[in-house]
Amino acid sequence: MQNMMILLAHGSSDAQWAETFISLTASSREKHENIALAFMELNSPSLEDVTLQAIKNGYDHITVLPLFLAKGKHLKHDIPNQLKSLKSQYGISSKLLPPIGEENELSQALDLIIDRQIQQ
């Protein structure tokens, strides 16, 4: 199985907003050829765009890592429905991971940032 990991950010009508996620994920995307950044809405590339490119590059499975802090409507309904549609249309299998906000390392990093800021 050839797996592409898609880092999925929400998206914003503010073009500068996307730059944060482009920078934030640059190192991982440079280290691993099977990682791409996509946006749920309002920015490009979309999840479908990146999935189609993955298929063209020979991948038959995508793993979606949401760059979200918590599970809301998008993660409970919209993204799973979109992944079902992509499977139906293009035959690609997928796995949706929990949002990064549920990762212990993120809470540890947040704690360090808060400690540093409160001491200033």
Protein backbone atom coordinates (compact mmCIF):
# COMPACT_ATOMS: atom_id res chain seq x y z
CA MET A 1 0.00 0.00 0.00
CA GLN A 2 1.31 3.43 -0.98
CA ASN A 3 0.25 5.99 1.65
CA MET A 4 0.12 9.78 1.33
CA MET A 5 -0.27 11.82 4.51
CA ILE A 6 -2.34 14.93 4.06
CA LEU A 7 -2.00 17.67 6.66
CA LEU A 8 -5.42 19.31 6.61
CA ALA A 9 -5.87 22.88 7.81
CA HIS A 10 -9.23 24.64 7.95
CA GLY A 11 -8.72 27.53 5.54
CA SER A 12 -9.47 31.23 5.64
CA SER A 13 -10.42 34.06 3.31
CA ASP A 14 -7.29 35.85 4.61
CA ALA A 15 -4.42 34.76 2.36
CA GLN A 16 -1.85 35.48 5.09
CA TRP A 17 -3.59 32.97 7.34
CA ALA A 18 -2.51 30.12 5.05
CA GLU A 19 1.13 31.25 5.21
CA THR A 20 1.25 30.20 8.87
CA PHE A 21 0.36 26.62 7.96
CA ILE A 22 2.65 26.58 4.95
CA SER A 23 5.55 27.62 7.21
CA LEU A 24 4.49 25.40 10.09
CA THR A 25 4.48 22.28 7.91
CA ALA A 26 7.42 23.12 5.63
CA SER A 27 9.99 21.04 7.48
CA SER A 28 7.84 17.90 7.49
CA ARG A 29 6.89 18.35 3.85
CA GLU A 30 10.55 18.77 2.90
CA LYS A 31 11.64 15.69 4.87
CA HIS A 32 8.96 13.36 3.53
CA GLU A 33 7.90 13.20 -0.10
CA ASN A 34 4.60 11.55 0.87
CA ILE A 35 3.30 14.51 2.91
CA ALA A 36 1.21 17.34 1.50
CA LEU A 37 -0.73 20.27 2.90
CA ALA A 38 -4.39 20.81 2.00
CA PHE A 39 -7.13 23.15 3.15
CA MET A 40 -10.71 22.29 4.01
CA GLU A 41 -12.10 25.47 2.45
CA LEU A 42 -11.29 28.97 1.19
CA ASN A 43 -7.64 28.19 0.32
CA SER A 44 -6.00 25.85 -2.11
CA PRO A 45 -5.06 23.17 -2.61
CA SER A 46 -8.19 21.43 -1.39
CA LEU A 47 -8.35 17.94 0.08
CA GLU A 48 -9.71 16.72 -3.25
CA ASP A 49 -6.92 18.46 -5.21
CA VAL A 50 -4.22 16.83 -3.07
CA THR A 51 -5.97 13.45 -3.22
CA LEU A 52 -6.12 13.58 -7.02
CA GLN A 53 -2.42 14.45 -7.14
CA ALA A 54 -1.69 11.56 -4.77
CA ILE A 55 -3.56 9.18 -7.07
CA LYS A 56 -1.61 10.49 -10.09
CA ASN A 57 1.59 9.83 -8.14
CA GLY A 58 0.62 6.21 -7.50
CA TYR A 59 -0.74 6.43 -3.97
CA ASP A 60 -3.73 4.24 -3.15
CA HIS A 61 -4.31 5.35 0.45
CA ILE A 62 -4.42 8.71 2.20
CA THR A 63 -4.05 9.43 5.89
CA VAL A 64 -5.51 12.77 6.92
CA LEU A 65 -3.99 14.55 9.93
CA PRO A 66 -6.27 17.47 10.85
CA LEU A 67 -4.38 20.56 11.96
CA PHE A 68 -7.36 21.41 14.17
CA LEU A 69 -7.39 21.84 17.93
CA ALA A 70 -10.63 19.96 18.59
CA LYS A 71 -13.32 17.83 16.96
CA GLY A 72 -16.20 19.92 15.76
CA LYS A 73 -18.69 19.66 12.92
CA HIS A 74 -15.99 19.46 10.25
CA LEU A 75 -14.20 16.53 11.87
CA LYS A 76 -17.34 14.72 12.97
CA HIS A 77 -19.30 15.06 9.73
CA ASP A 78 -17.87 17.10 6.84
CA ILE A 79 -14.44 15.50 6.47
CA PRO A 80 -15.64 11.88 6.95
CA ASN A 81 -18.32 12.53 4.31
CA GLN A 82 -15.75 14.03 1.97
CA LEU A 83 -13.47 11.01 2.44
CA LYS A 84 -16.39 8.67 1.65
CA SER A 85 -17.07 10.67 -1.49
CA LEU A 86 -13.40 10.51 -2.55
CA LYS A 87 -13.44 6.73 -2.08
CA SER A 88 -16.65 6.45 -4.08
CA GLN A 89 -15.39 8.67 -6.90
CA TYR A 90 -11.75 7.64 -7.11
CA GLY A 91 -11.43 4.36 -5.21
CA ILE A 92 -8.84 5.66 -2.76
CA SER A 93 -8.96 4.39 0.80
CA SER A 94 -8.38 6.72 3.72
CA LYS A 95 -7.88 7.06 7.44
CA LEU A 96 -8.84 10.15 9.42
CA LEU A 97 -6.62 10.73 12.44
CA PRO A 98 -7.65 12.66 15.57
CA PRO A 99 -6.95 16.42 15.48
CA ILE A 100 -3.52 17.55 16.63
CA GLY A 101 -5.16 19.27 19.59
CA GLU A 102 -5.66 15.83 21.13
CA GLU A 103 -1.94 15.04 21.00
CA ASN A 104 -0.14 15.12 24.35
CA GLU A 105 2.89 16.83 22.82
CA LEU A 106 0.77 19.79 21.78
CA SER A 107 -0.54 20.30 25.30
CA GLN A 108 3.05 20.13 26.57
CA ALA A 109 4.15 22.74 24.02
CA LEU A 110 1.22 24.96 24.97
CA ASP A 111 2.19 24.67 28.62
CA LEU A 112 5.77 25.75 27.81
CA ILE A 113 4.56 28.71 25.76
CA ILE A 114 2.18 29.85 28.52
CA ASP A 115 4.92 29.50 31.15
CA ARG A 116 7.31 31.56 29.04
CA GLN A 117 4.76 34.27 28.35
CA ILE A 118 3.57 34.57 31.92
CA GLN A 119 7.14 35.04 33.15
CA GLN A 120 7.77 38.03 30.89
